[in-house]
N, C-alpha and C. Protein backbone atom coordinates (compact mmCIF):
# COMPACT_ATOMS: atom_id res chain seq x y z
N MET A 1 0.88 -1.36 0.10
CA MET A 1 0.20 0.09 -0.16
C MET A 1 0.95 1.05 0.22
N PRO A 2 0.58 2.26 -0.87
CA PRO A 2 1.75 3.39 -0.93
C PRO A 2 1.62 3.82 0.08
N LEU A 3 2.46 4.85 0.61
CA LEU A 3 2.79 5.80 1.75
C LEU A 3 1.64 6.82 1.61
N PRO A 4 1.04 7.33 2.74
CA PRO A 4 0.51 8.56 2.49
C PRO A 4 1.55 9.56 2.36
N ARG A 5 0.80 10.62 1.70
CA ARG A 5 1.67 11.90 0.50
C ARG A 5 2.44 12.49 2.16
N ILE A 6 2.06 12.61 3.17
CA ILE A 6 2.55 13.44 4.11
C ILE A 6 3.50 12.65 4.87
N VAL A 7 3.68 11.31 4.89
CA VAL A 7 4.69 10.23 5.05
C VAL A 7 5.84 10.56 4.07
N ARG A 8 5.45 10.47 2.71
CA ARG A 8 6.75 10.67 2.21
C ARG A 8 7.10 11.91 1.93
N TRP A 9 6.42 13.08 2.26
CA TRP A 9 7.34 14.03 2.48
C TRP A 9 8.31 14.65 3.58
N LEU A 10 7.29 13.67 5.01
CA LEU A 10 8.08 14.03 5.95
C LEU A 10 9.76 12.92 5.77
N TYR A 11 9.46 12.16 4.93
CA TYR A 11 10.82 11.16 4.81
C TYR A 11 11.69 12.22 3.86
N ARG A 12 11.18 12.49 2.70
CA ARG A 12 11.85 13.50 1.92
C ARG A 12 12.64 14.47 2.69
N LYS A 13 11.90 15.52 3.60
CA LYS A 13 12.28 16.19 4.60
C LYS A 13 13.70 15.85 5.21
N LYS A 14 13.44 14.69 6.18
CA LYS A 14 14.17 13.95 7.01
C LYS A 14 15.85 14.10 6.36
N THR A 15 15.67 13.32 5.05
CA THR A 15 16.62 12.95 4.27
C THR A 15 17.59 14.05 4.00
N VAL A 16 16.77 15.06 3.76
CA VAL A 16 17.51 16.44 3.07
C VAL A 16 18.30 17.02 4.45
N LEU A 17 17.50 16.83 5.37
CA LEU A 17 18.03 17.41 6.68
C LEU A 17 19.49 16.84 7.01
N TYR A 18 19.42 15.38 7.06
CA TYR A 18 20.31 14.44 7.35
C TYR A 18 21.81 15.04 6.59
N ALA A 19 21.26 15.12 4.92
CA ALA A 19 22.64 15.08 4.02
C ALA A 19 22.90 16.59 4.14
N SER A 20 21.91 17.63 4.82
CA SER A 20 22.50 19.00 4.71
C SER A 20 23.34 19.46 6.06
N LEU A 21 23.26 18.02 6.91
CA LEU A 21 24.10 18.42 8.34
C LEU A 21 25.37 17.75 8.27
N SER A 22 25.13 16.43 7.55
CA SER A 22 26.34 15.83 6.97
C SER A 22 27.33 16.68 6.30
N ALA A 23 26.82 17.65 5.45
CA ALA A 23 27.61 18.15 4.49
C ALA A 23 28.11 19.51 5.57
N LEU A 24 27.44 19.92 6.22
CA LEU A 24 27.99 20.91 7.04
C LEU A 24 28.88 20.28 8.01
N LEU A 25 28.57 19.38 8.82
CA LEU A 25 29.84 18.61 9.59
C LEU A 25 31.21 18.50 8.81
N ILE A 26 31.02 17.94 7.51
CA ILE A 26 32.26 17.71 6.58
C ILE A 26 33.10 19.17 6.17
N ALA A 27 32.36 19.95 5.89
CA ALA A 27 32.88 21.55 6.07
C ALA A 27 33.55 21.73 7.05
N LEU A 28 32.90 21.79 8.30
CA LEU A 28 33.69 22.37 9.49
C LEU A 28 34.75 21.50 9.85
N LEU A 29 34.73 20.45 9.66
CA LEU A 29 35.88 19.34 9.61
C LEU A 29 36.99 19.50 8.83
N VAL A 30 36.79 20.43 7.73
CA VAL A 30 37.93 20.57 6.38
C VAL A 30 38.25 21.99 6.97
N ILE A 31 37.48 23.04 7.29
CA ILE A 31 37.84 24.23 7.83
C ILE A 31 38.64 24.34 9.04
N GLY A 32 38.09 23.13 9.75
CA GLY A 32 39.13 23.09 11.18
C GLY A 32 40.53 22.56 11.06
N SER A 33 40.65 21.38 9.99
CA SER A 33 41.75 21.11 9.65
C SER A 33 42.70 21.77 9.34
N ASN A 34 42.29 22.61 8.39
CA ASN A 34 43.33 23.32 7.45
C ASN A 34 43.52 25.13 8.68
N TYR A 35 42.79 25.08 9.36
CA TYR A 35 43.31 26.32 10.70
C TYR A 35 43.88 25.67 11.34
N TRP A 36 43.60 24.37 12.07
CA TRP A 36 44.90 23.87 13.03
C TRP A 36 46.36 23.66 12.22
N ILE A 37 46.09 23.25 11.34
CA ILE A 37 47.58 23.03 10.36
C ILE A 37 48.45 24.31 10.23
N VAL A 38 47.64 25.21 9.66
CA VAL A 38 48.23 26.60 9.37
C VAL A 38 48.39 27.00 10.55
N HIS A 39 48.11 27.36 11.65
CA HIS A 39 48.36 27.92 12.43
C HIS A 39 49.23 27.18 13.41
N SER A 40 49.52 25.95 13.78
CA SER A 40 50.22 25.12 14.21
C SER A 40 51.61 24.91 14.08
N THR A 41 51.74 25.67 12.48
CA THR A 41 53.12 25.38 11.74
C THR A 41 53.93 26.75 11.85
N ALA A 42 53.05 27.72 12.14
CA ALA A 42 53.43 29.30 11.56
C ALA A 42 54.55 29.51 11.94
N ALA A 43 55.07 29.13 13.33
CA ALA A 43 56.30 29.66 13.93
C ALA A 43 57.62 28.78 13.28
N GLN A 44 57.21 27.73 12.82
CA GLN A 44 58.19 26.92 11.89
C GLN A 44 58.49 26.87 10.57
N LEU A 45 57.98 28.08 9.79
CA LEU A 45 58.17 28.62 8.68
C LEU A 45 58.94 29.49 8.45
N TYR A 46 59.76 29.48 7.49
CA TYR A 46 60.87 30.85 7.28
C TYR A 46 60.99 31.17 5.61
N SER A 47 60.77 32.37 5.32
CA SER A 47 61.06 32.69 4.05
C SER A 47 62.16 33.69 3.72
N GLN A 48 63.05 33.82 4.43
CA GLN A 48 64.26 34.39 4.35
C GLN A 48 65.21 33.66 4.84
N VAL A 49 66.47 33.79 3.96
CA VAL A 49 67.60 32.79 3.89
C VAL A 49 68.48 33.30 5.50
N ASN A 50 68.57 34.14 5.63
CA ASN A 50 69.13 35.16 6.88
C ASN A 50 68.55 34.60 8.15
N GLN A 51 67.12 34.32 7.89
CA GLN A 51 66.31 34.06 9.25
C GLN A 51 66.41 32.56 9.49
N ILE A 52 66.39 31.51 8.89
CA ILE A 52 66.32 30.04 9.03
C ILE A 52 67.22 29.61 9.55
N PRO A 53 67.05 28.66 10.94
CA PRO A 53 68.44 28.19 11.40
C PRO A 53 69.15 27.07 10.60
N SER A 54 70.58 26.78 11.04
CA SER A 54 71.35 26.11 9.99
C SER A 54 70.92 24.33 10.26
N GLY A 55 70.67 23.64 9.42
CA GLY A 55 70.34 22.20 9.59
C GLY A 55 71.24 21.41 8.69
N LYS A 56 71.14 20.24 8.94
CA LYS A 56 71.91 19.04 8.20
C LYS A 56 71.54 18.79 7.03
N VAL A 57 70.27 18.60 6.86
CA VAL A 57 69.46 17.66 5.79
C VAL A 57 68.08 18.81 5.43
N GLY A 58 68.10 19.11 4.10
CA GLY A 58 66.97 19.48 3.34
C GLY A 58 66.30 18.40 2.61
N LEU A 59 65.26 18.61 2.92
CA LEU A 59 64.40 17.55 2.09
C LEU A 59 63.46 18.48 0.95
N VAL A 60 63.71 18.11 -0.07
CA VAL A 60 62.88 18.81 -1.16
C VAL A 60 61.97 18.11 -1.79
N LEU A 61 60.81 18.65 -1.64
CA LEU A 61 59.57 17.97 -2.12
C LEU A 61 59.30 17.71 -3.39
N GLY A 62 58.99 16.58 -4.19
CA GLY A 62 58.96 16.63 -5.32
C GLY A 62 57.61 17.15 -6.17
N ALA A 63 57.80 17.37 -7.38
CA ALA A 63 57.15 18.00 -8.37
C ALA A 63 57.61 17.93 -9.85
N SER A 64 56.54 17.56 -10.98
CA SER A 64 56.83 17.57 -12.10
C SER A 64 57.65 18.64 -12.95
N PRO A 65 58.47 18.29 -13.52
CA PRO A 65 59.43 19.97 -14.01
C PRO A 65 58.49 20.58 -15.31
N THR A 66 57.64 19.81 -15.52
CA THR A 66 56.46 20.56 -16.80
C THR A 66 55.27 20.47 -16.40
N THR A 67 54.09 21.47 -16.79
CA THR A 67 53.17 20.95 -16.87
C THR A 67 52.41 20.26 -17.72
N ARG A 68 51.17 19.60 -17.88
CA ARG A 68 50.54 18.80 -18.79
C ARG A 68 50.34 19.62 -19.96
N PHE A 69 50.98 20.92 -19.94
CA PHE A 69 50.83 21.60 -21.34
C PHE A 69 52.12 21.50 -22.23
N GLY A 70 53.06 21.02 -21.49
CA GLY A 70 54.76 21.07 -21.59
C GLY A 70 55.37 22.29 -21.01
N THR A 71 54.75 23.54 -20.59
CA THR A 71 55.40 24.33 -20.38
C THR A 71 56.18 24.22 -18.91
N THR A 72 57.32 24.93 -18.83
CA THR A 72 57.52 24.75 -17.26
C THR A 72 57.10 24.72 -15.93
N ASN A 73 57.11 24.21 -15.08
CA ASN A 73 56.32 23.86 -13.87
C ASN A 73 57.05 24.88 -12.67
N LEU A 74 56.34 25.89 -12.57
CA LEU A 74 56.96 26.88 -11.97
C LEU A 74 57.17 26.89 -10.30
N TYR A 75 56.31 25.75 -9.86
CA TYR A 75 56.23 25.12 -8.34
C TYR A 75 57.82 24.34 -8.33
N PHE A 76 57.96 23.68 -9.28
CA PHE A 76 59.03 22.83 -9.44
C PHE A 76 60.37 23.96 -9.65
N ARG A 77 60.22 24.77 -10.25
CA ARG A 77 61.53 25.69 -10.61
C ARG A 77 62.03 26.26 -9.36
N TYR A 78 60.76 27.18 -8.60
CA TYR A 78 61.15 27.68 -7.65
C TYR A 78 61.56 26.93 -6.36
N ARG A 79 61.04 25.69 -6.30
CA ARG A 79 61.64 24.63 -5.40
C ARG A 79 63.21 24.57 -5.52
N MET A 80 63.57 24.28 -6.83
CA MET A 80 65.04 23.82 -7.09
C MET A 80 65.64 25.15 -6.47
N GLU A 81 65.33 26.22 -6.89
CA GLU A 81 66.18 27.71 -6.65
C GLU A 81 66.16 27.97 -5.27
N ALA A 82 65.29 27.41 -4.33
CA ALA A 82 64.92 27.69 -3.21
C ALA A 82 66.16 26.89 -2.60
N ALA A 83 65.95 25.37 -2.73
CA ALA A 83 67.10 24.40 -2.35
C ALA A 83 68.39 24.77 -2.59
N ALA A 84 68.69 25.37 -3.96
CA ALA A 84 69.98 25.74 -4.11
C ALA A 84 70.62 26.89 -3.31
N GLN A 85 69.71 27.92 -3.22
CA GLN A 85 69.92 29.19 -2.09
C GLN A 85 70.26 28.63 -1.11
N LEU A 86 69.38 27.86 -0.18
CA LEU A 86 69.60 27.35 0.85
C LEU A 86 71.12 26.91 1.14
N TYR A 87 71.22 25.46 0.30
CA TYR A 87 72.78 25.03 -0.04
C TYR A 87 73.92 26.14 0.03
N LYS A 88 73.74 26.88 -1.14
CA LYS A 88 74.99 28.03 -1.12
C LYS A 88 75.21 29.09 -0.02
N ALA A 89 74.35 29.37 0.52
CA ALA A 89 74.37 30.09 2.17
C ALA A 89 74.72 29.32 3.10
N GLY A 90 75.06 27.97 3.12
CA GLY A 90 75.53 26.87 3.90
C GLY A 90 74.64 26.80 4.90
N LYS A 91 73.15 27.04 4.89
CA LYS A 91 71.95 26.34 5.68
C LYS A 91 71.95 25.12 6.05
N ILE A 92 72.17 24.18 4.67
CA ILE A 92 71.85 22.98 4.72
C ILE A 92 73.20 22.45 4.27
N ASN A 93 73.63 20.89 4.70
CA ASN A 93 74.89 20.29 4.07
C ASN A 93 74.43 19.42 2.80
N HIS A 94 73.55 18.83 2.79
CA HIS A 94 72.82 17.86 1.96
C HIS A 94 71.32 17.93 1.52
N LEU A 95 71.12 17.93 0.68
CA LEU A 95 69.79 17.87 -0.20
C LEU A 95 69.21 16.24 -0.32
N LEU A 96 68.04 15.92 0.43
CA LEU A 96 67.52 14.98 0.02
C LEU A 96 66.39 15.17 -1.14
N LEU A 97 66.25 14.50 -2.09
CA LEU A 97 65.32 15.02 -3.16
C LEU A 97 64.33 13.79 -3.40
N SER A 98 62.86 14.18 -2.65
CA SER A 98 61.97 12.78 -2.60
C SER A 98 60.80 13.26 -3.63
N GLY A 99 60.86 12.54 -4.83
CA GLY A 99 59.37 12.65 -5.52
C GLY A 99 59.23 11.08 -5.94
N ASP A 100 58.07 11.07 -7.01
CA ASP A 100 57.69 10.35 -7.72
C ASP A 100 58.29 9.78 -8.65
N ASN A 101 58.10 8.24 -8.57
CA ASN A 101 58.91 7.38 -9.76
C ASN A 101 58.19 5.92 -9.87
N HIS A 102 57.08 6.49 -9.97
CA HIS A 102 55.92 4.96 -9.69
C HIS A 102 55.86 4.11 -11.38
N GLN A 103 56.14 5.21 -12.48
CA GLN A 103 56.01 4.41 -13.69
C GLN A 103 57.49 5.02 -14.70
N LYS A 104 57.76 4.05 -15.78
CA LYS A 104 58.67 4.23 -16.43
C LYS A 104 58.11 5.78 -17.17
N GLY A 105 59.24 6.64 -17.17
CA GLY A 105 59.31 7.45 -18.04
C GLY A 105 59.02 8.81 -17.32
N TYR A 106 58.79 8.85 -16.04
CA TYR A 106 58.42 9.40 -15.14
C TYR A 106 59.03 9.69 -13.82
N ASP A 107 60.40 10.44 -13.84
CA ASP A 107 61.21 10.42 -12.76
C ASP A 107 61.42 11.89 -12.09
N GLU A 108 60.34 11.97 -11.24
CA GLU A 108 60.72 13.31 -10.44
C GLU A 108 62.18 13.58 -9.82
N PRO A 109 62.87 12.46 -8.89
CA PRO A 109 64.04 12.80 -8.30
C PRO A 109 65.01 13.23 -9.15
N SER A 110 65.25 12.38 -10.18
CA SER A 110 66.16 12.65 -11.07
C SER A 110 66.15 14.06 -11.74
N GLU A 111 64.96 14.51 -12.27
CA GLU A 111 64.68 15.98 -12.95
C GLU A 111 65.27 16.85 -12.07
N MET A 112 65.01 16.52 -10.79
CA MET A 112 64.99 17.35 -9.71
C MET A 112 66.87 17.70 -9.38
N LYS A 113 67.58 16.28 -9.58
CA LYS A 113 69.19 16.58 -9.38
C LYS A 113 69.55 16.85 -10.48
N LYS A 114 69.22 17.19 -11.52
CA LYS A 114 69.59 17.40 -12.97
C LYS A 114 69.74 19.09 -12.91
N TYR A 115 68.62 19.55 -12.42
CA TYR A 115 68.28 20.90 -12.19
C TYR A 115 69.07 21.70 -11.38
N LEU A 116 69.15 20.90 -9.90
CA LEU A 116 70.26 21.46 -8.93
C LEU A 116 71.85 21.42 -9.74
N ILE A 117 72.11 20.28 -10.32
CA ILE A 117 73.22 20.53 -10.59
C ILE A 117 73.80 21.91 -11.54
N ARG A 118 72.63 22.09 -12.43
CA ARG A 118 72.80 23.08 -13.37
C ARG A 118 72.56 24.21 -12.27
N LEU A 119 72.22 24.18 -11.25
CA LEU A 119 72.24 25.35 -10.39
C LEU A 119 73.57 25.50 -9.76
N GLY A 120 74.39 24.54 -9.83
CA GLY A 120 75.77 24.87 -8.80
C GLY A 120 75.94 24.02 -7.69
N VAL A 121 74.57 23.01 -7.58
CA VAL A 121 74.47 22.01 -6.20
C VAL A 121 75.30 20.91 -6.46
N PRO A 122 76.74 20.09 -6.03
CA PRO A 122 77.65 19.42 -6.25
C PRO A 122 76.78 17.89 -6.33
N ALA A 123 76.68 17.13 -7.38
CA ALA A 123 76.29 15.81 -7.04
C ALA A 123 76.38 14.89 -5.70
N ALA A 124 77.23 15.42 -5.00
CA ALA A 124 77.51 14.69 -4.00
C ALA A 124 76.93 15.08 -2.56
N ALA A 125 76.41 16.39 -3.04
CA ALA A 125 75.50 16.70 -2.01
C ALA A 125 73.97 16.69 -2.16
N ILE A 126 73.74 15.52 -3.09
CA ILE A 126 72.30 15.34 -2.91
C ILE A 126 72.19 13.64 -3.22
N THR A 127 71.01 13.29 -2.52
CA THR A 127 70.58 11.84 -2.35
C THR A 127 68.96 11.83 -2.88
N LEU A 128 68.95 10.92 -3.59
CA LEU A 128 67.60 10.76 -4.33
C LEU A 128 66.66 9.68 -3.25
N ASP A 129 65.41 9.98 -3.53
CA ASP A 129 64.40 9.35 -2.49
C ASP A 129 63.52 9.04 -3.94
N TYR A 130 63.30 7.96 -4.44
CA TYR A 130 62.11 7.58 -5.38
C TYR A 130 61.19 7.04 -4.99
N ALA A 131 60.97 6.86 -3.72
CA ALA A 131 59.69 6.73 -3.22
C ALA A 131 58.84 7.73 -2.46
N GLY A 132 58.77 8.95 -2.95
CA GLY A 132 58.22 9.76 -2.28
C GLY A 132 56.65 10.17 -2.99
N PHE A 133 55.91 9.21 -2.97
CA PHE A 133 54.66 9.39 -3.81
C PHE A 133 53.75 10.21 -3.07
N ARG A 134 53.73 10.56 -1.93
CA ARG A 134 52.86 11.59 -1.40
C ARG A 134 53.84 12.07 -0.15
N THR A 135 53.28 13.55 0.27
CA THR A 135 54.05 14.18 1.31
C THR A 135 54.55 13.21 2.49
N LEU A 136 53.34 12.61 2.82
CA LEU A 136 53.23 11.55 4.24
C LEU A 136 54.68 10.95 3.78
N GLU A 137 54.56 10.21 2.59
CA GLU A 137 55.50 9.35 2.49
C GLU A 137 56.98 9.68 2.31
N SER A 138 57.09 10.93 1.78
CA SER A 138 58.56 11.87 1.97
C SER A 138 58.92 12.09 3.25
N VAL A 139 58.18 12.18 4.06
CA VAL A 139 58.65 12.77 5.36
C VAL A 139 59.02 11.47 6.37
N VAL A 140 58.32 10.67 6.26
CA VAL A 140 58.29 9.38 7.06
C VAL A 140 59.56 8.74 6.66
N ARG A 141 59.91 8.34 5.29
CA ARG A 141 60.73 7.89 4.61
C ARG A 141 61.77 8.60 4.93
N ALA A 142 62.06 9.97 5.05
CA ALA A 142 63.26 10.89 5.65
C ALA A 142 63.55 10.31 6.78
N LYS A 143 62.94 9.78 7.83
CA LYS A 143 63.19 9.25 8.91
C LYS A 143 63.39 7.79 8.94
N GLU A 144 62.57 6.99 8.61
CA GLU A 144 62.70 5.60 8.71
C GLU A 144 63.73 5.08 7.60
N VAL A 145 63.81 5.81 6.83
CA VAL A 145 64.62 4.66 5.80
C VAL A 145 66.40 5.55 5.65
N PHE A 146 65.90 6.94 5.69
CA PHE A 146 67.30 7.73 5.69
C PHE A 146 67.68 8.67 7.09
N GLY A 147 67.19 7.84 8.31
CA GLY A 147 67.76 8.34 9.59
C GLY A 147 67.54 9.61 9.80
N GLN A 148 66.84 10.50 9.37
CA GLN A 148 66.91 11.80 9.85
C GLN A 148 65.93 12.27 10.92
N THR A 149 65.97 12.82 12.05
CA THR A 149 65.25 13.21 13.00
C THR A 149 64.81 14.94 13.00
N GLN A 150 65.78 15.54 12.36
CA GLN A 150 65.71 16.89 12.17
C GLN A 150 65.75 17.17 10.54
N LEU A 151 64.74 18.21 10.26
CA LEU A 151 64.81 18.43 8.55
C LEU A 151 64.47 19.84 8.38
N THR A 152 65.04 20.30 7.36
CA THR A 152 64.66 21.59 6.28
C THR A 152 63.69 21.18 5.29
N ILE A 153 62.33 21.30 5.21
CA ILE A 153 61.48 20.86 4.37
C ILE A 153 61.48 22.18 3.14
N ILE A 154 61.74 21.88 2.14
CA ILE A 154 61.69 22.87 0.94
C ILE A 154 60.51 22.79 0.08
N SER A 155 59.64 23.58 0.07
CA SER A 155 58.42 23.28 -0.95
C SER A 155 57.95 25.03 -0.67
N GLN A 156 56.76 24.94 -1.66
CA GLN A 156 56.12 26.66 -1.20
C GLN A 156 55.34 26.63 0.08
N ALA A 157 54.67 27.62 0.65
CA ALA A 157 54.44 27.79 1.73
C ALA A 157 53.28 26.87 2.24
N PHE A 158 52.56 27.08 1.54
CA PHE A 158 51.08 26.03 1.39
C PHE A 158 51.21 24.72 1.82
N HIS A 159 52.49 24.26 1.03
CA HIS A 159 52.69 22.80 1.16
C HIS A 159 53.60 22.57 2.08
N ASN A 160 54.48 23.53 2.80
CA ASN A 160 55.45 23.33 3.60
C ASN A 160 54.40 23.39 4.97
N GLN A 161 53.40 23.93 4.89
CA GLN A 161 52.58 24.02 6.12
C GLN A 161 51.92 22.31 6.42
N ARG A 162 51.66 21.75 5.74
CA ARG A 162 51.19 20.12 5.75
C ARG A 162 52.36 19.40 5.97
N ALA A 163 53.39 19.44 5.05
CA ALA A 163 54.60 18.77 5.56
C ALA A 163 55.46 18.61 6.93
N VAL A 164 55.37 20.31 6.85
CA VAL A 164 55.75 20.30 8.34
C VAL A 164 54.93 19.58 9.92
N TYR A 165 53.82 19.75 9.66
CA TYR A 165 52.73 19.22 10.67
C TYR A 165 52.89 17.96 10.44
N LEU A 166 52.76 17.25 9.22
CA LEU A 166 52.95 15.74 9.25
C LEU A 166 54.18 14.84 9.78
N ALA A 167 55.59 15.75 9.50
CA ALA A 167 56.88 15.64 10.03
C ALA A 167 56.54 15.69 11.63
N ARG A 168 56.11 16.68 12.02
CA ARG A 168 56.17 16.71 13.54
C ARG A 168 55.49 15.95 14.18
N GLN A 169 54.31 15.48 13.72
CA GLN A 169 53.25 14.51 14.37
C GLN A 169 54.27 12.96 14.21
N LYS A 170 54.89 12.89 13.37
CA LYS A 170 55.69 11.68 13.17
C LYS A 170 57.16 11.45 13.89
N GLY A 171 57.39 12.30 14.81
CA GLY A 171 58.51 12.64 15.35
C GLY A 171 59.61 13.42 14.95
N ILE A 172 59.37 13.90 13.88
CA ILE A 172 60.71 14.81 13.23
C ILE A 172 60.72 16.32 13.43
N LYS A 173 61.72 16.71 14.25
CA LYS A 173 61.97 18.03 14.31
C LYS A 173 61.97 18.89 12.81
N ALA A 174 61.11 19.09 12.57
CA ALA A 174 61.07 20.06 11.25
C ALA A 174 60.55 21.42 11.39
N ILE A 175 61.45 22.03 10.15
CA ILE A 175 61.04 23.24 9.86
C ILE A 175 61.07 23.60 8.38
N GLY A 176 60.44 24.49 7.96
CA GLY A 176 60.09 24.75 6.30
C GLY A 176 60.85 26.09 5.82
N PHE A 177 61.15 25.70 4.96
CA PHE A 177 61.57 26.87 4.06
C PHE A 177 60.96 27.26 2.99
N ASN A 178 60.02 28.33 2.49
CA ASN A 178 59.20 28.46 1.65
C ASN A 178 60.01 29.09 0.40
N ALA A 179 59.65 27.87 -0.54
CA ALA A 179 60.07 28.68 -2.14
C ALA A 179 59.11 29.81 -2.70
N ARG A 180 59.48 30.40 -3.52
CA ARG A 180 58.70 31.44 -4.12
C ARG A 180 57.18 31.07 -4.49
N ASP A 181 56.22 31.55 -4.36
CA ASP A 181 54.80 31.17 -4.45
C ASP A 181 54.55 31.42 -5.94
N VAL A 182 53.45 30.79 -6.19
CA VAL A 182 53.14 31.01 -7.75
C VAL A 182 51.41 31.70 -7.60
N SER A 183 51.53 32.58 -8.70
CA SER A 183 50.12 33.39 -8.38
C SER A 183 49.46 33.23 -9.53
N GLY A 184 47.90 33.80 -9.28
CA GLY A 184 46.96 33.95 -10.58
C GLY A 184 46.49 32.52 -10.84
N ARG A 185 45.93 32.44 -11.91
CA ARG A 185 45.22 31.50 -12.31
C ARG A 185 45.80 29.94 -11.99
N TYR A 186 46.63 29.97 -12.50
CA TYR A 186 47.71 29.06 -12.41
C TYR A 186 48.11 28.17 -11.39
N SER A 187 47.56 28.93 -9.96
CA SER A 187 47.48 28.10 -8.53
C SER A 187 46.30 27.97 -8.14
N LEU A 188 44.86 28.26 -8.70
CA LEU A 188 43.73 27.95 -8.35
C LEU A 188 43.50 26.24 -7.96
N LYS A 189 43.70 25.79 -9.11
CA LYS A 189 43.34 24.22 -8.89
C LYS A 189 44.00 23.63 -7.76
N THR A 190 45.74 24.24 -7.74
CA THR A 190 46.59 23.69 -6.76
C THR A 190 46.35 24.30 -5.11
N ARG A 191 45.70 25.22 -5.20
CA ARG A 191 45.38 25.76 -3.62
C ARG A 191 44.08 25.15 -3.22
N PHE A 192 42.98 24.70 -4.34
CA PHE A 192 41.90 23.96 -4.04
C PHE A 192 42.38 22.53 -3.33
N ARG A 193 43.30 21.81 -3.98
CA ARG A 193 43.31 20.47 -3.92
C ARG A 193 43.97 20.47 -2.47
N GLU A 194 44.96 21.69 -2.10
CA GLU A 194 45.67 21.90 -0.85
C GLU A 194 44.53 22.07 0.28
N VAL A 195 43.71 22.62 0.33
CA VAL A 195 42.38 22.53 1.22
C VAL A 195 42.14 21.05 1.69
N LEU A 196 42.07 20.17 0.64
CA LEU A 196 41.35 18.82 0.83
C LEU A 196 42.44 17.93 1.62
N ALA A 197 44.03 18.16 0.80
CA ALA A 197 44.80 17.49 1.08
C ALA A 197 45.44 17.82 2.88
N LYS A 198 44.97 18.96 3.30
CA LYS A 198 45.43 19.15 4.56
C LYS A 198 44.43 18.29 5.54
N PHE A 199 42.97 18.30 5.35
CA PHE A 199 42.22 17.65 6.03
C PHE A 199 42.47 16.05 5.91
N LYS A 200 42.88 15.50 4.76
CA LYS A 200 43.33 14.07 4.36
C LYS A 200 44.59 13.96 5.33
N ALA A 201 45.42 14.78 5.40
CA ALA A 201 46.72 14.66 6.48
C ALA A 201 45.78 14.47 7.93
N VAL A 202 45.04 15.28 8.39
CA VAL A 202 44.68 15.12 9.44
C VAL A 202 44.16 13.64 9.66
N LEU A 203 43.27 13.10 8.85
CA LEU A 203 42.61 11.97 8.78
C LEU A 203 44.25 10.85 8.94
N ASP A 204 45.08 11.23 7.87
CA ASP A 204 45.95 9.87 7.83
C ASP A 204 46.79 9.87 9.13
N VAL A 205 46.95 11.06 9.91
CA VAL A 205 47.86 10.92 11.17
C VAL A 205 46.73 10.43 12.39
N TRP A 206 45.49 10.73 12.53
CA TRP A 206 44.64 10.49 13.85
C TRP A 206 43.46 9.56 13.40
N VAL A 207 43.26 8.97 12.20
CA VAL A 207 42.32 8.25 12.11
C VAL A 207 42.51 7.06 11.32
N LEU A 208 43.12 7.36 10.07
CA LEU A 208 43.45 6.12 9.06
C LEU A 208 45.11 5.40 9.62
N ARG A 209 45.92 6.42 10.37
CA ARG A 209 47.22 5.62 10.56
C ARG A 209 48.21 5.24 9.64
N THR A 210 47.91 6.19 8.31
CA THR A 210 48.47 5.88 6.95
C THR A 210 49.94 5.73 7.33
N GLN A 211 50.30 4.55 6.61
CA GLN A 211 51.87 4.46 6.48
C GLN A 211 52.59 4.46 5.16
N PRO A 212 53.65 4.48 4.74
CA PRO A 212 54.05 4.43 3.19
C PRO A 212 53.98 3.08 2.73
N ARG A 213 53.77 3.23 1.61
CA ARG A 213 53.82 1.86 0.77
C ARG A 213 54.93 0.87 0.96
N PHE A 214 56.08 2.00 0.77
CA PHE A 214 57.38 1.11 0.78
C PHE A 214 58.34 1.85 1.64
N LEU A 215 59.18 1.15 2.36
CA LEU A 215 60.20 1.48 3.39
C LEU A 215 61.43 1.01 2.60
N GLY A 216 61.62 -0.39 3.08
CA GLY A 216 62.82 -0.87 2.33
C GLY A 216 64.12 -0.59 3.54
N GLU A 217 65.28 -1.06 3.31
CA GLU A 217 66.86 -0.87 3.95
C GLU A 217 66.98 0.72 4.34
N SER A 218 67.66 0.88 4.93
CA SER A 218 67.96 1.77 5.63
C SER A 218 69.30 2.47 4.68
N VAL A 219 69.36 3.65 4.18
CA VAL A 219 70.34 4.63 3.67
C VAL A 219 70.77 5.70 4.47
N ALA A 220 71.88 5.45 4.66
CA ALA A 220 72.64 6.46 5.60
C ALA A 220 73.23 7.65 4.33
N LEU A 221 72.91 8.78 5.24
CA LEU A 221 73.36 10.41 4.12
C LEU A 221 74.54 10.50 4.65
N PRO A 222 75.41 11.15 3.69
CA PRO A 222 76.88 11.78 4.36
C PRO A 222 76.65 12.81 5.69
N SER A 223 77.53 12.34 6.45
CA SER A 223 77.81 12.95 7.99
C SER A 223 78.23 14.45 7.50
């Protein structure tokens, strides 16, 4: 027997209410996660070479050297320039380049190394991590595989916020050096994704307990 019209109406109203409350809760969690990460890492981020404390190892987070349109990826270029700047200023002694190399023909760490050598960083001061598929994996592997409990993380500010947060939650005394940012429409998609990535970072740490897909044998960095 068909439900009375008033019952169907109440059922639809209830469904809409639950959906609305769920969406509101998720939005609040996303906003709260972003606020937490941004403000809890503010004191650990630096944008001036003369202000950042010296450290042993700089962890450079990977990016593709080119965009999908074949043009230079400014995120990549500015990160490499920032890493070279820190090294030449004597603020770090060694660079750990962590990026994606999950398929044939795509090798972020090797491209990062080539670019840094062109900028004057010696090959002996560079170590590659080919399994930095995600930011979480890059920072955890820096500790578990490469033995680092103190790091200077090098990326754009919005990325450093998340990376430093993850590193500190994993027992790493991390600070971040902010590479030059990318402005305009070029960055809109990246910024939107970063809002969700910060929420995912909180879930990874406190709910999912996410671990790297690969660890492997320990690798000693030069002292």
